[in-house]
Amino acid sequence: MVDQVPGLLSLEISIDERSGATGVKHTRRVVVDQAPALFLLPCGDSRCADGEHDLTTPVMRALRAHETSFQGSDSCMGSLGPAACGRVVHFDAVAQYRP
């Protein structure tokens, strides 16, 4: 990721994944000098087929713009049997850059 966003020192992403009233929260601290520029999260519902959350585009757009705080969301496009999964991930990120 360092080659994609020169000057990036740290990145922390707080993730809140929801399905109706239930949800899971966690924080991911990215090891900037070793991480690929790819932000894919598997769907948190074990029954979901072919589901994931691709946060790559909004995260990389914000990092390339040197934003220090940004957020976004993504809906799972997988399926739960004949129905769409629709589980939603919201994220808040904080980045630090070299001056």
C-alpha atoms as a PDB file:
ATOM      1  CA  MET A   1       0.000   0.000   0.000  1.00  0.00           C
ATOM      2  CA  VAL A   2       2.958   2.299   0.595  1.00  0.00           C
ATOM      3  CA  ASP A   3       3.588   2.537  -3.152  1.00  0.00           C
ATOM      4  CA  GLN A   4      -0.069   3.551  -3.711  1.00  0.00           C
ATOM      5  CA  VAL A   5      -0.190   6.154  -0.921  1.00  0.00           C
ATOM      6  CA  PRO A   6       3.268   7.624  -0.282  1.00  0.00           C
ATOM      7  CA  GLY A   7       3.534   9.248   3.124  1.00  0.00           C
ATOM      8  CA  LEU A   8       0.876   7.119   4.811  1.00  0.00           C
ATOM      9  CA  LEU A   9       2.036   6.326   8.345  1.00  0.00           C
ATOM     10  CA  SER A  10      -0.965   4.569   9.900  1.00  0.00           C
ATOM     11  CA  LEU A  11      -4.504   3.473   9.168  1.00  0.00           C
ATOM     12  CA  GLU A  12      -7.149   2.281  11.609  1.00  0.00           C
ATOM     13  CA  ILE A  13     -10.587   1.160  10.427  1.00  0.00           C
ATOM     14  CA  SER A  14     -13.478   0.662  12.864  1.00  0.00           C
ATOM     15  CA  ILE A  15     -16.052  -1.691  11.386  1.00  0.00           C
ATOM     16  CA  ASP A  16     -19.689  -2.085  12.421  1.00  0.00           C
ATOM     17  CA  GLU A  17     -21.461  -4.910  10.597  1.00  0.00           C
ATOM     18  CA  ARG A  18     -25.248  -5.048  11.001  1.00  0.00           C
ATOM     19  CA  SER A  19     -28.142  -7.249  10.067  1.00  0.00           C
ATOM     20  CA  GLY A  20     -31.356  -5.931  11.564  1.00  0.00           C
ATOM     21  CA  ALA A  21     -30.904  -5.366  15.290  1.00  0.00           C
ATOM     22  CA  THR A  22     -27.825  -7.573  15.654  1.00  0.00           C
ATOM     23  CA  GLY A  23     -24.316  -6.528  14.830  1.00  0.00           C
ATOM     24  CA  VAL A  24     -20.615  -6.975  15.343  1.00  0.00           C
ATOM     25  CA  LYS A  25     -18.024  -4.238  15.903  1.00  0.00           C
ATOM     26  CA  HIS A  26     -14.269  -4.501  15.604  1.00  0.00           C
ATOM     27  CA  THR A  27     -11.238  -2.394  14.763  1.00  0.00           C
ATOM     28  CA  ARG A  28      -8.616  -3.269  12.192  1.00  0.00           C
ATOM     29  CA  ARG A  29      -5.179  -1.665  12.464  1.00  0.00           C
ATOM     30  CA  VAL A  30      -3.494  -1.888   9.090  1.00  0.00           C
ATOM     31  CA  VAL A  31       0.244  -2.616   8.934  1.00  0.00           C
ATOM     32  CA  VAL A  32       0.837   0.019   6.268  1.00  0.00           C
ATOM     33  CA  ASP A  33       4.279  -1.062   5.039  1.00  0.00           C
ATOM     34  CA  GLN A  34       3.128  -4.682   4.526  1.00  0.00           C
ATOM     35  CA  ALA A  35      -0.539  -4.374   3.537  1.00  0.00           C
ATOM     36  CA  PRO A  36      -1.834  -4.683  -0.019  1.00  0.00           C
ATOM     37  CA  ALA A  37      -4.088  -1.903  -1.321  1.00  0.00           C
ATOM     38  CA  LEU A  38      -7.092  -4.204  -1.040  1.00  0.00           C
ATOM     39  CA  PHE A  39      -9.850  -3.993   1.567  1.00  0.00           C
ATOM     40  CA  LEU A  40     -12.127  -7.040   1.312  1.00  0.00           C
ATOM     41  CA  LEU A  41     -14.143  -8.273   4.274  1.00  0.00           C
ATOM     42  CA  PRO A  42     -16.046 -11.553   4.266  1.00  0.00           C
ATOM     43  CA  CYS A  43     -19.731 -11.348   5.105  1.00  0.00           C
ATOM     44  CA  GLY A  44     -20.238 -11.947   8.812  1.00  0.00           C
ATOM     45  CA  ASP A  45     -23.258 -14.176   8.258  1.00  0.00           C
ATOM     46  CA  SER A  46     -22.045 -17.781   8.029  1.00  0.00           C
ATOM     47  CA  ARG A  47     -25.171 -18.703   6.029  1.00  0.00           C
ATOM     48  CA  CYS A  48     -24.362 -16.166   3.286  1.00  0.00           C
ATOM     49  CA  ALA A  49     -23.261 -17.596  -0.048  1.00  0.00           C
ATOM     50  CA  ASP A  50     -20.758 -15.590  -2.134  1.00  0.00           C
ATOM     51  CA  GLY A  51     -20.955 -12.571   0.132  1.00  0.00           C
ATOM     52  CA  GLU A  52     -18.270 -10.032   0.912  1.00  0.00           C
ATOM     53  CA  HIS A  53     -17.755  -6.335   1.423  1.00  0.00           C
ATOM     54  CA  ASP A  54     -15.317  -4.584  -0.906  1.00  0.00           C
ATOM     55  CA  LEU A  55     -14.228  -1.332   0.734  1.00  0.00           C
ATOM     56  CA  THR A  56     -11.225  -0.869  -1.547  1.00  0.00           C
ATOM     57  CA  THR A  57     -12.545   1.956  -3.743  1.00  0.00           C
ATOM     58  CA  PRO A  58     -13.788   4.322  -1.004  1.00  0.00           C
ATOM     59  CA  VAL A  59     -10.802   3.651   1.272  1.00  0.00           C
ATOM     60  CA  MET A  60      -8.182   4.142  -1.451  1.00  0.00           C
ATOM     61  CA  ARG A  61      -9.958   7.252  -2.787  1.00  0.00           C
ATOM     62  CA  ALA A  62      -9.826   8.830   0.672  1.00  0.00           C
ATOM     63  CA  LEU A  63      -6.201   7.788   1.274  1.00  0.00           C
ATOM     64  CA  ARG A  64      -5.044   9.168  -2.091  1.00  0.00           C
ATOM     65  CA  ALA A  65      -6.758  12.452  -1.174  1.00  0.00           C
ATOM     66  CA  HIS A  66      -4.839  12.386   2.146  1.00  0.00           C
ATOM     67  CA  GLU A  67      -8.038  12.503   4.188  1.00  0.00           C
ATOM     68  CA  THR A  68      -7.339  11.977   7.875  1.00  0.00           C
ATOM     69  CA  SER A  69     -10.856  10.873   8.812  1.00  0.00           C
ATOM     70  CA  PHE A  70     -13.448   9.259   6.557  1.00  0.00           C
ATOM     71  CA  GLN A  71     -16.343   6.829   6.624  1.00  0.00           C
ATOM     72  CA  GLY A  72     -18.499   4.747   4.325  1.00  0.00           C
ATOM     73  CA  SER A  73     -20.717   1.701   4.040  1.00  0.00           C
ATOM     74  CA  ASP A  74     -21.260  -1.349   1.861  1.00  0.00           C
ATOM     75  CA  SER A  75     -24.143  -3.815   1.495  1.00  0.00           C
ATOM     76  CA  CYS A  76     -23.423  -7.504   1.011  1.00  0.00           C
ATOM     77  CA  MET A  77     -24.467  -8.738  -2.418  1.00  0.00           C
ATOM     78  CA  GLY A  78     -24.433 -12.418  -1.388  1.00  0.00           C
ATOM     79  CA  SER A  79     -27.504 -14.545  -0.820  1.00  0.00           C
ATOM     80  CA  LEU A  80     -29.257 -16.356   1.997  1.00  0.00           C
ATOM     81  CA  GLY A  81     -30.991 -19.094   0.052  1.00  0.00           C
ATOM     82  CA  PRO A  82     -33.380 -17.401  -2.387  1.00  0.00           C
ATOM     83  CA  ALA A  83     -33.135 -13.993  -0.654  1.00  0.00           C
ATOM     84  CA  ALA A  84     -30.454 -11.322  -0.836  1.00  0.00           C
ATOM     85  CA  CYS A  85     -28.242 -11.113   2.236  1.00  0.00           C
ATOM     86  CA  GLY A  86     -28.243  -7.326   2.568  1.00  0.00           C
ATOM     87  CA  ARG A  87     -25.972  -7.309   5.642  1.00  0.00           C
ATOM     88  CA  VAL A  88     -24.456  -3.828   5.914  1.00  0.00           C
ATOM     89  CA  VAL A  89     -20.958  -2.787   6.965  1.00  0.00           C
ATOM     90  CA  HIS A  90     -20.339   0.772   8.150  1.00  0.00           C
ATOM     91  CA  PHE A  91     -16.771   1.902   8.654  1.00  0.00           C
ATOM     92  CA  ASP A  92     -14.963   4.858  10.190  1.00  0.00           C
ATOM     93  CA  ALA A  93     -11.301   5.279   9.391  1.00  0.00           C
ATOM     94  CA  VAL A  94      -8.482   7.407  10.744  1.00  0.00           C
ATOM     95  CA  ALA A  95      -5.246   7.862   8.791  1.00  0.00           C
ATOM     96  CA  GLN A  96      -2.006   9.641   9.589  1.00  0.00           C
ATOM     97  CA  TYR A  97       0.499  10.887   7.010  1.00  0.00           C
ATOM     98  CA  ARG A  98       4.023  12.224   7.045  1.00  0.00           C
ATOM     99  CA  PRO A  99       4.111  16.035   6.951  1.00  0.00           C
END
